[in-house]
Amino acid sequence: MATPDPRDARITEQDARTAELEARLLSTSRNSSKPPSSDPPEPASQEVGADQPKARRPARPQGSQARAVATGEGE
């Protein structure tokens, strides 16, 4: 009868540890008692046009200029 190889026991231990660590990586605040702050950041949005800058609204007059335009003063 052959003697058991100590490396087999070590490999079995490492396989179990790997499975445990992979399971822990999959746990989030939604499926465990972890706080939301421990969740990894969410990936960036993949929406169409997400990489393009948003269109800016035209500037509008502010302060005394707006009042003068609205009342017709200063002409």
C-alpha atoms as a PDB file:
ATOM      1  CA  MET A   1       0.000   0.000   0.000  1.00  0.00           C
ATOM      2  CA  ALA A   2       1.352   3.444  -0.973  1.00  0.00           C
ATOM      3  CA  THR A   3       1.736   6.174   1.614  1.00  0.00           C
ATOM      4  CA  PRO A   4      -0.440   9.252   1.089  1.00  0.00           C
ATOM      5  CA  ASP A   5       1.369  12.178  -0.476  1.00  0.00           C
ATOM      6  CA  PRO A   6       1.380  15.224   1.858  1.00  0.00           C
ATOM      7  CA  ARG A   7       0.981  17.428  -1.203  1.00  0.00           C
ATOM      8  CA  ASP A   8      -2.486  15.970  -1.829  1.00  0.00           C
ATOM      9  CA  ALA A   9      -3.667  17.169   1.587  1.00  0.00           C
ATOM     10  CA  ARG A  10      -2.174  20.612   0.931  1.00  0.00           C
ATOM     11  CA  ILE A  11      -3.906  20.841  -2.460  1.00  0.00           C
ATOM     12  CA  THR A  12      -7.237  19.857  -0.878  1.00  0.00           C
ATOM     13  CA  GLU A  13      -6.823  22.579   1.778  1.00  0.00           C
ATOM     14  CA  GLN A  14      -5.965  25.177  -0.844  1.00  0.00           C
ATOM     15  CA  ASP A  15      -8.953  24.205  -2.994  1.00  0.00           C
ATOM     16  CA  ALA A  16     -11.270  24.651  -0.010  1.00  0.00           C
ATOM     17  CA  ARG A  17      -9.711  28.019   0.839  1.00  0.00           C
ATOM     18  CA  THR A  18     -10.020  29.182  -2.776  1.00  0.00           C
ATOM     19  CA  ALA A  19     -13.707  28.251  -2.853  1.00  0.00           C
ATOM     20  CA  GLU A  20     -14.308  30.133   0.424  1.00  0.00           C
ATOM     21  CA  LEU A  21     -12.526  33.260  -0.817  1.00  0.00           C
ATOM     22  CA  GLU A  22     -14.390  33.212  -4.136  1.00  0.00           C
ATOM     23  CA  ALA A  23     -17.696  32.987  -2.270  1.00  0.00           C
ATOM     24  CA  ARG A  24     -16.698  35.976  -0.121  1.00  0.00           C
ATOM     25  CA  LEU A  25     -15.865  38.007  -3.222  1.00  0.00           C
ATOM     26  CA  LEU A  26     -19.400  37.488  -4.513  1.00  0.00           C
ATOM     27  CA  SER A  27     -21.075  38.721  -1.324  1.00  0.00           C
ATOM     28  CA  THR A  28     -22.384  42.287  -1.339  1.00  0.00           C
ATOM     29  CA  SER A  29     -24.576  44.334   0.954  1.00  0.00           C
ATOM     30  CA  ARG A  30     -27.599  43.021  -0.952  1.00  0.00           C
ATOM     31  CA  ASN A  31     -26.961  39.357  -0.141  1.00  0.00           C
ATOM     32  CA  SER A  32     -25.201  39.566   3.226  1.00  0.00           C
ATOM     33  CA  SER A  33     -25.084  41.603   6.417  1.00  0.00           C
ATOM     34  CA  LYS A  34     -22.259  43.796   5.076  1.00  0.00           C
ATOM     35  CA  PRO A  35     -22.804  47.581   5.039  1.00  0.00           C
ATOM     36  CA  PRO A  36     -23.276  49.245   1.617  1.00  0.00           C
ATOM     37  CA  SER A  37     -20.017  51.164   2.023  1.00  0.00           C
ATOM     38  CA  SER A  38     -18.117  47.870   1.714  1.00  0.00           C
ATOM     39  CA  ASP A  39     -19.473  47.239  -1.801  1.00  0.00           C
ATOM     40  CA  PRO A  40     -17.041  47.764  -4.678  1.00  0.00           C
ATOM     41  CA  PRO A  41     -17.677  50.775  -6.918  1.00  0.00           C
ATOM     42  CA  GLU A  42     -20.177  50.133  -9.686  1.00  0.00           C
ATOM     43  CA  PRO A  43     -18.844  50.110 -13.248  1.00  0.00           C
ATOM     44  CA  ALA A  44     -19.379  53.193 -15.392  1.00  0.00           C
ATOM     45  CA  SER A  45     -22.638  53.459 -17.282  1.00  0.00           C
ATOM     46  CA  GLN A  46     -22.675  51.897 -20.738  1.00  0.00           C
ATOM     47  CA  GLU A  47     -25.500  54.074 -22.066  1.00  0.00           C
ATOM     48  CA  VAL A  48     -25.413  55.311 -25.646  1.00  0.00           C
ATOM     49  CA  GLY A  49     -23.630  58.652 -25.759  1.00  0.00           C
ATOM     50  CA  ALA A  50     -22.397  58.374 -22.170  1.00  0.00           C
ATOM     51  CA  ASP A  51     -18.884  59.281 -23.314  1.00  0.00           C
ATOM     52  CA  GLN A  52     -20.056  62.522 -24.948  1.00  0.00           C
ATOM     53  CA  PRO A  53     -20.380  65.756 -22.961  1.00  0.00           C
ATOM     54  CA  LYS A  54     -23.904  66.899 -22.219  1.00  0.00           C
ATOM     55  CA  ALA A  55     -25.294  69.860 -24.141  1.00  0.00           C
ATOM     56  CA  ARG A  56     -25.213  73.081 -22.167  1.00  0.00           C
ATOM     57  CA  ARG A  57     -28.160  75.393 -21.828  1.00  0.00           C
ATOM     58  CA  PRO A  58     -27.602  78.891 -23.186  1.00  0.00           C
ATOM     59  CA  ALA A  59     -26.669  81.436 -20.555  1.00  0.00           C
ATOM     60  CA  ARG A  60     -29.392  83.832 -19.481  1.00  0.00           C
ATOM     61  CA  PRO A  61     -28.908  87.369 -18.240  1.00  0.00           C
ATOM     62  CA  GLN A  62     -28.707  87.754 -14.492  1.00  0.00           C
ATOM     63  CA  GLY A  63     -29.247  90.517 -11.991  1.00  0.00           C
ATOM     64  CA  SER A  64     -29.849  94.083 -13.145  1.00  0.00           C
ATOM     65  CA  GLN A  65     -29.313  93.179 -16.800  1.00  0.00           C
ATOM     66  CA  ALA A  66     -32.254  90.764 -16.711  1.00  0.00           C
ATOM     67  CA  ARG A  67     -34.525  93.350 -15.124  1.00  0.00           C
ATOM     68  CA  ALA A  68     -33.531  96.006 -17.671  1.00  0.00           C
ATOM     69  CA  VAL A  69     -34.288  93.671 -20.578  1.00  0.00           C
ATOM     70  CA  ALA A  70     -37.600  92.564 -19.077  1.00  0.00           C
ATOM     71  CA  THR A  71     -38.846  96.115 -18.375  1.00  0.00           C
ATOM     72  CA  GLY A  72     -37.407  97.709 -21.524  1.00  0.00           C
ATOM     73  CA  GLU A  73     -35.160 100.072 -19.547  1.00  0.00           C
ATOM     74  CA  GLY A  74     -31.788 101.158 -20.798  1.00  0.00           C
ATOM     75  CA  GLU A  75     -32.796 101.679 -24.421  1.00  0.00           C
END
